[in-house]
Amino acid sequence: MRCAGVAEQDRPGAGRTSTADALSPGEPEELLYALGTRLAPHREAATTALRDAEREVAQAQEQLARAERAAAERGYTSDPLPFMRDSVREEVEALGRKTTPKKVRTSYRFLLDRAVELAAAEVQGFHDDRAAEREQHESGVDACRESLRRATAALEAARAMHDRVREAEASARRGLDEMVAKLREA
């Protein structure tokens, strides 16, 4: 007899003998297969997340090593700007000591050239300093250490999540074993 569009074979316990609660032959294997099939995508996703986190840590470690090498190789570079500023001041003072118009004009042209060079160097120095700050902020040693710290924290979280997924699967397997044992007793 059919009831509201539900086939007889679709009802719980349908098609079983009078021992409806007993396990049929091959049913434990089917249940184990169903358990594995339902959990497989989550187990694979957890494993993928764990591998990705491990890869991020490795990349962060490599980036930190490169940044530390670059910092160690970067030697002291003298800033020419203080010397250029002093030179321009000295040229102004020297201009005041010139006595002939020809020497004054020559000295002024030289002063103007030095002042233009200083102005250009000041602008370039400002841009270089800003670029160095940005680089240090984005890929300097401290930024790389912070990146490694975040990647390591993400790896620990991924490991914990992976362990919880494995525990969920183990719980389902223990539950299945318990159910099969109890139904075999019945």
Protein backbone atom coordinates (compact mmCIF):
# COMPACT_ATOMS: atom_id res chain seq x y z
CA MET A 1 0.00 0.00 0.00
CA ARG A 2 1.34 3.44 -0.93
CA CYS A 3 0.97 6.36 1.37
CA ALA A 4 1.15 10.00 0.19
CA GLY A 5 3.66 9.35 -2.59
CA VAL A 6 6.15 7.41 -0.45
CA ALA A 7 7.14 4.11 -1.97
CA GLU A 8 7.13 1.04 0.22
CA GLN A 9 10.88 0.49 -0.21
CA ASP A 10 11.57 4.10 0.91
CA ARG A 11 10.05 3.67 4.36
CA PRO A 12 12.33 3.00 7.31
CA GLY A 13 12.44 -0.71 7.96
CA ALA A 14 10.68 -1.53 4.69
CA GLY A 15 11.74 -4.70 2.92
CA ARG A 16 13.09 -6.26 6.10
CA THR A 17 12.01 -9.47 7.62
CA SER A 18 10.39 -9.71 11.02
CA THR A 19 13.80 -8.99 12.55
CA ALA A 20 13.72 -5.43 11.21
CA ASP A 21 16.33 -4.26 13.67
CA ALA A 22 18.91 -6.90 12.77
CA LEU A 23 21.77 -6.12 10.39
CA SER A 24 21.46 -7.46 6.91
CA PRO A 25 24.49 -9.09 5.31
CA GLY A 26 26.87 -6.45 3.98
CA GLU A 27 25.11 -3.60 5.79
CA PRO A 28 28.08 -2.77 8.08
CA GLU A 29 30.30 -2.34 5.03
CA GLU A 30 27.66 -0.15 3.36
CA LEU A 31 27.37 1.99 6.48
CA LEU A 32 31.15 2.32 6.70
CA TYR A 33 31.29 3.32 3.03
CA ALA A 34 28.52 5.90 3.56
CA LEU A 35 30.35 7.31 6.57
CA GLY A 36 33.58 7.64 4.62
CA THR A 37 31.81 9.16 1.62
CA ARG A 38 30.00 11.79 3.67
CA LEU A 39 33.10 12.80 5.62
CA ALA A 40 35.58 12.65 2.72
CA PRO A 41 34.99 16.19 1.37
CA HIS A 42 35.47 17.67 4.83
CA ARG A 43 38.54 15.57 5.55
CA GLU A 44 40.04 16.61 2.19
CA ALA A 45 39.17 20.29 2.79
CA ALA A 46 40.83 20.15 6.21
CA THR A 47 43.93 18.50 4.76
CA THR A 48 44.09 21.10 1.97
CA ALA A 49 43.76 23.94 4.47
CA LEU A 50 46.54 22.41 6.56
CA ARG A 51 48.84 22.07 3.52
CA ASP A 52 48.09 25.67 2.48
CA ALA A 53 48.92 26.92 5.97
CA GLU A 54 52.18 24.95 5.98
CA ARG A 55 53.06 26.44 2.59
CA GLU A 56 52.32 29.96 3.88
CA VAL A 57 54.65 29.41 6.84
CA ALA A 58 57.41 28.17 4.54
CA GLN A 59 56.97 31.18 2.26
CA ALA A 60 56.99 33.56 5.23
CA GLN A 61 60.18 31.95 6.53
CA GLU A 62 61.85 32.32 3.12
CA GLN A 63 60.73 35.94 2.85
CA LEU A 64 62.08 36.69 6.34
CA ALA A 65 65.41 35.07 5.47
CA ARG A 66 65.63 37.17 2.29
CA ALA A 67 64.78 40.34 4.21
CA GLU A 68 67.39 39.57 6.87
CA ARG A 69 70.04 38.90 4.20
CA ALA A 70 69.14 42.11 2.39
CA ALA A 71 69.34 44.07 5.64
CA ALA A 72 72.73 42.55 6.46
CA GLU A 73 74.07 43.23 2.96
CA ARG A 74 72.77 46.78 2.95
CA GLY A 75 75.77 48.68 4.15
CA TYR A 76 76.00 52.22 5.40
CA THR A 77 75.37 54.81 2.76
CA SER A 78 76.41 58.35 3.35
CA ASP A 79 73.74 60.99 2.88
CA PRO A 80 75.13 63.69 0.59
CA LEU A 81 72.47 66.26 1.52
CA PRO A 82 74.15 67.70 4.65
CA PHE A 83 77.33 68.26 2.64
CA MET A 84 75.40 69.84 -0.21
CA ARG A 85 73.57 72.18 2.21
CA ASP A 86 76.89 73.24 3.74
CA SER A 87 78.33 73.79 0.27
CA VAL A 88 75.45 76.10 -0.72
CA ARG A 89 75.80 78.08 2.55
CA GLU A 90 79.53 78.44 1.92
CA GLU A 91 78.88 79.63 -1.64
CA VAL A 92 76.53 82.33 -0.34
CA GLU A 93 79.21 83.47 2.12
CA ALA A 94 81.86 83.38 -0.64
CA LEU A 95 79.65 85.48 -2.90
CA GLY A 96 79.68 88.21 -0.27
CA ARG A 97 83.48 88.29 -0.35
CA LYS A 98 83.77 88.72 -4.13
CA THR A 99 84.95 92.15 -5.15
CA THR A 100 84.65 92.41 -8.93
CA PRO A 101 81.41 92.15 -10.94
CA LYS A 102 82.84 89.35 -13.07
CA LYS A 103 83.73 87.27 -9.98
CA VAL A 104 80.32 88.01 -8.42
CA ARG A 105 78.49 86.82 -11.55
CA THR A 106 80.65 83.69 -11.83
CA SER A 107 80.21 82.93 -8.15
CA TYR A 108 76.44 83.46 -8.44
CA ARG A 109 76.18 81.07 -11.42
CA PHE A 110 78.10 78.46 -9.45
CA LEU A 111 75.86 79.07 -6.39
CA LEU A 112 72.75 78.76 -8.55
CA ASP A 113 73.97 75.47 -10.02
CA ARG A 114 74.67 74.11 -6.52
CA ALA A 115 71.28 75.36 -5.23
CA VAL A 116 69.46 73.64 -8.13
CA GLU A 117 71.37 70.41 -7.47
CA LEU A 118 70.52 70.67 -3.76
CA ALA A 119 66.82 71.27 -4.48
CA ALA A 120 66.69 68.28 -6.83
CA ALA A 121 68.53 66.12 -4.29
CA GLU A 122 66.13 67.22 -1.51
CA VAL A 123 63.10 66.21 -3.58
CA GLN A 124 64.70 62.92 -4.63
CA GLY A 125 65.78 62.23 -1.06
CA PHE A 126 62.24 62.78 0.18
CA HIS A 127 60.84 60.34 -2.39
CA ASP A 128 63.60 57.81 -1.67
CA ASP A 129 62.92 58.01 2.07
CA ARG A 130 59.18 57.48 1.53
CA ALA A 131 59.83 54.53 -0.78
CA ALA A 132 62.25 53.00 1.75
CA GLU A 133 59.64 53.46 4.49
CA ARG A 134 56.98 51.75 2.37
CA GLU A 135 59.34 48.91 1.50
CA GLN A 136 60.32 48.48 5.15
CA HIS A 137 56.66 48.50 6.16
CA GLU A 138 55.66 46.01 3.46
CA SER A 139 58.67 43.71 3.19
CA GLY A 140 61.20 44.73 5.81
CA VAL A 141 62.48 42.43 8.51
CA ASP A 142 59.81 43.49 11.02
CA ALA A 143 57.02 43.12 8.44
CA CYS A 144 58.32 39.66 7.53
CA ARG A 145 58.46 38.64 11.19
CA GLU A 146 54.87 39.75 11.63
CA SER A 147 53.88 37.87 8.49
CA LEU A 148 55.59 34.75 9.83
CA ARG A 149 53.84 35.17 13.18
CA ARG A 150 50.44 35.40 11.46
CA ALA A 151 51.21 32.41 9.22
CA THR A 152 52.33 30.35 12.21
CA ALA A 153 49.12 31.22 14.09
CA ALA A 154 47.09 30.25 11.02
CA LEU A 155 49.00 26.96 10.81
CA GLU A 156 48.24 26.18 14.45
CA ALA A 157 44.56 26.97 13.84
CA ALA A 158 44.56 24.75 10.73
CA ARG A 159 46.16 21.90 12.68
CA ALA A 160 43.55 22.23 15.43
CA MET A 161 40.74 22.26 12.85
CA HIS A 162 42.26 19.24 11.08
CA ASP A 163 42.46 17.39 14.39
CA ARG A 164 38.83 18.23 15.17
CA VAL A 165 37.74 16.92 11.76
CA ARG A 166 39.65 13.69 12.40
CA GLU A 167 38.06 13.47 15.87
CA ALA A 168 34.60 13.92 14.33
CA GLU A 169 35.31 11.08 11.91
CA ALA A 170 36.70 8.90 14.68
CA SER A 171 33.57 9.58 16.76
CA ALA A 172 31.35 8.59 13.84
CA ARG A 173 33.40 5.39 13.35
CA ARG A 174 33.17 4.55 17.06
CA GLY A 175 29.43 5.18 16.92
CA LEU A 176 29.12 2.92 13.90
CA ASP A 177 31.12 0.18 15.64
CA GLU A 178 28.89 0.51 18.71
CA MET A 179 25.71 0.37 16.63
CA VAL A 180 26.90 -2.67 14.67
CA ALA A 181 27.88 -4.48 17.89
CA LYS A 182 24.52 -3.76 19.51
CA LEU A 183 22.53 -4.78 16.44
CA ARG A 184 24.50 -8.02 16.13
CA GLU A 185 23.61 -8.82 19.72
CA ALA A 186 19.92 -8.31 19.01
